[in-house]
Structures are given as C-alpha cells and as structure tokens.
C-alpha cells in the first residue's frame, strides 16, 4: 500500500514542484540484499537522471517493474543456485 501511495503522490504532484527537484528522486534506488544495502540504477546512468514532470511516468513504470519483476527474478535466480 505504501508503494501505491508513493507512486500516486509523484504522479499527482504539481509539475512545478517536480521540476524544481523538490522530490529529490533519481532513476536510482537503494535496496537491501541479504542484509546489505546496494545501489541499483533503474535506467542506464540513472544516478544522474533527476525525475521531473517529463519523465515521472517513466520513472514510476521502471520503478514498479523493478520492484515486482526484476528484483524477484534476481532472488529466484540466486536461490536456484542452491537446488
């Protein structure tokens, strides 16, 4: 539910607020993997791409895809090594 609410807030934000970098978001996120924090670029050179009103929908799409698909595939691939 938190993910939905966060994405909804980004999409409903005033474009001026988004474009002034008040969200402080980039195409990059930190994830916890086996007790360690790891930075992940959601898009090539994502740590250098600031989310703005022109790319906020793309950011949401890529972030959700990472959260529900990419990260799960990584966990499944990792666990299959032990079978």
C-alpha atoms as a PDB file:
ATOM      1  CA  UNK A   1       0.000   0.000   0.000  1.00  0.00           C
ATOM      2  CA  UNK A   2       2.917   2.340   0.742  1.00  0.00           C
ATOM      3  CA  UNK A   3       4.304   1.817  -2.770  1.00  0.00           C
ATOM      4  CA  UNK A   4       0.937   2.679  -4.332  1.00  0.00           C
ATOM      5  CA  UNK A   5       0.593   5.809  -2.228  1.00  0.00           C
ATOM      6  CA  UNK A   6       4.130   6.980  -3.043  1.00  0.00           C
ATOM      7  CA  UNK A   7       3.660   6.467  -6.782  1.00  0.00           C
ATOM      8  CA  UNK A   8       0.284   8.200  -6.708  1.00  0.00           C
ATOM      9  CA  UNK A   9       1.778  11.206  -4.895  1.00  0.00           C
ATOM     10  CA  UNK A  10       4.522  11.515  -7.501  1.00  0.00           C
ATOM     11  CA  UNK A  11       2.056  11.357 -10.384  1.00  0.00           C
ATOM     12  CA  UNK A  12      -0.301  13.868  -8.762  1.00  0.00           C
ATOM     13  CA  UNK A  13       2.434  16.328  -7.772  1.00  0.00           C
ATOM     14  CA  UNK A  14       2.399  19.824  -9.183  1.00  0.00           C
ATOM     15  CA  UNK A  15       4.746  19.832 -12.234  1.00  0.00           C
ATOM     16  CA  UNK A  16       6.481  22.939 -10.881  1.00  0.00           C
ATOM     17  CA  UNK A  17       7.284  21.131  -7.632  1.00  0.00           C
ATOM     18  CA  UNK A  18       8.578  18.104  -9.532  1.00  0.00           C
ATOM     19  CA  UNK A  19      10.692  20.206 -11.904  1.00  0.00           C
ATOM     20  CA  UNK A  20      12.286  22.153  -9.058  1.00  0.00           C
ATOM     21  CA  UNK A  21      13.756  18.860  -7.772  1.00  0.00           C
ATOM     22  CA  UNK A  22      11.707  19.047  -4.595  1.00  0.00           C
ATOM     23  CA  UNK A  23      11.117  15.299  -4.790  1.00  0.00           C
ATOM     24  CA  UNK A  24      14.854  14.541  -4.738  1.00  0.00           C
ATOM     25  CA  UNK A  25      14.397  11.441  -6.879  1.00  0.00           C
ATOM     26  CA  UNK A  26      16.697   9.928  -9.469  1.00  0.00           C
ATOM     27  CA  UNK A  27      16.429   6.791 -11.606  1.00  0.00           C
ATOM     28  CA  UNK A  28      18.315   5.035  -8.826  1.00  0.00           C
ATOM     29  CA  UNK A  29      17.302   3.268  -5.639  1.00  0.00           C
ATOM     30  CA  UNK A  30      18.852   1.559  -2.662  1.00  0.00           C
ATOM     31  CA  UNK A  31      17.789  -1.987  -1.894  1.00  0.00           C
ATOM     32  CA  UNK A  32      18.594  -4.370   0.899  1.00  0.00           C
ATOM     33  CA  UNK A  33      20.054  -7.631  -0.316  1.00  0.00           C
ATOM     34  CA  UNK A  34      20.896 -10.258   2.272  1.00  0.00           C
ATOM     35  CA  UNK A  35      21.387  -7.641   4.985  1.00  0.00           C
ATOM     36  CA  UNK A  36      23.474  -5.264   2.881  1.00  0.00           C
ATOM     37  CA  UNK A  37      22.400  -2.064   1.150  1.00  0.00           C
ATOM     38  CA  UNK A  38      23.066  -1.959  -2.573  1.00  0.00           C
ATOM     39  CA  UNK A  39      22.516   0.908  -5.016  1.00  0.00           C
ATOM     40  CA  UNK A  40      20.674  -0.007  -8.203  1.00  0.00           C
ATOM     41  CA  UNK A  41      20.372   2.122 -11.321  1.00  0.00           C
ATOM     42  CA  UNK A  42      16.856   1.703 -12.646  1.00  0.00           C
ATOM     43  CA  UNK A  43      17.967   3.040 -16.020  1.00  0.00           C
ATOM     44  CA  UNK A  44      21.432   3.366 -17.595  1.00  0.00           C
ATOM     45  CA  UNK A  45      23.216   6.250 -15.830  1.00  0.00           C
ATOM     46  CA  UNK A  46      20.124   6.528 -13.642  1.00  0.00           C
ATOM     47  CA  UNK A  47      22.010   8.069 -10.755  1.00  0.00           C
ATOM     48  CA  UNK A  48      22.494  11.131 -12.983  1.00  0.00           C
ATOM     49  CA  UNK A  49      18.869  11.424 -14.186  1.00  0.00           C
ATOM     50  CA  UNK A  50      16.622  13.553 -11.977  1.00  0.00           C
ATOM     51  CA  UNK A  51      12.916  12.728 -12.015  1.00  0.00           C
ATOM     52  CA  UNK A  52      10.978  15.644 -13.487  1.00  0.00           C
ATOM     53  CA  UNK A  53       7.498  16.254 -14.876  1.00  0.00           C
ATOM     54  CA  UNK A  54       8.557  14.977 -18.308  1.00  0.00           C
ATOM     55  CA  UNK A  55       9.855  11.611 -17.112  1.00  0.00           C
ATOM     56  CA  UNK A  56       7.909  10.945 -13.901  1.00  0.00           C
ATOM     57  CA  UNK A  57       5.599   8.398 -15.564  1.00  0.00           C
ATOM     58  CA  UNK A  58       8.616   6.574 -16.986  1.00  0.00           C
ATOM     59  CA  UNK A  59      10.207   6.579 -13.533  1.00  0.00           C
ATOM     60  CA  UNK A  60       7.077   5.079 -11.949  1.00  0.00           C
ATOM     61  CA  UNK A  61       6.851   2.403 -14.658  1.00  0.00           C
ATOM     62  CA  UNK A  62      10.524   1.432 -14.327  1.00  0.00           C
ATOM     63  CA  UNK A  63      10.419   1.532 -10.517  1.00  0.00           C
ATOM     64  CA  UNK A  64       7.343  -0.717 -10.346  1.00  0.00           C
ATOM     65  CA  UNK A  65       8.830  -3.077 -12.929  1.00  0.00           C
ATOM     66  CA  UNK A  66      11.988  -3.321 -10.832  1.00  0.00           C
ATOM     67  CA  UNK A  67      10.044  -3.827  -7.599  1.00  0.00           C
ATOM     68  CA  UNK A  68       7.691  -6.529  -8.889  1.00  0.00           C
ATOM     69  CA  UNK A  69       9.699  -8.215 -11.667  1.00  0.00           C
ATOM     70  CA  UNK A  70      13.432  -7.569 -11.815  1.00  0.00           C
ATOM     71  CA  UNK A  71      14.156  -7.865  -8.099  1.00  0.00           C
ATOM     72  CA  UNK A  72      12.105 -11.056  -7.808  1.00  0.00           C
ATOM     73  CA  UNK A  73      13.884 -12.627 -10.783  1.00  0.00           C
ATOM     74  CA  UNK A  74      17.217 -11.827  -9.099  1.00  0.00           C
ATOM     75  CA  UNK A  75      16.087 -13.554  -5.887  1.00  0.00           C
ATOM     76  CA  UNK A  76      14.784 -16.598  -7.769  1.00  0.00           C
ATOM     77  CA  UNK A  77      17.985 -16.872  -9.797  1.00  0.00           C
ATOM     78  CA  UNK A  78      20.047 -16.631  -6.623  1.00  0.00           C
ATOM     79  CA  UNK A  79      18.001 -19.289  -4.797  1.00  0.00           C
ATOM     80  CA  UNK A  80      18.136 -21.677  -7.780  1.00  0.00           C
ATOM     81  CA  UNK A  81      21.900 -21.909  -7.351  1.00  0.00           C
ATOM     82  CA  UNK A  82      21.280 -23.953  -4.211  1.00  0.00           C
ATOM     83  CA  UNK A  83      18.979 -26.533  -5.824  1.00  0.00           C
END
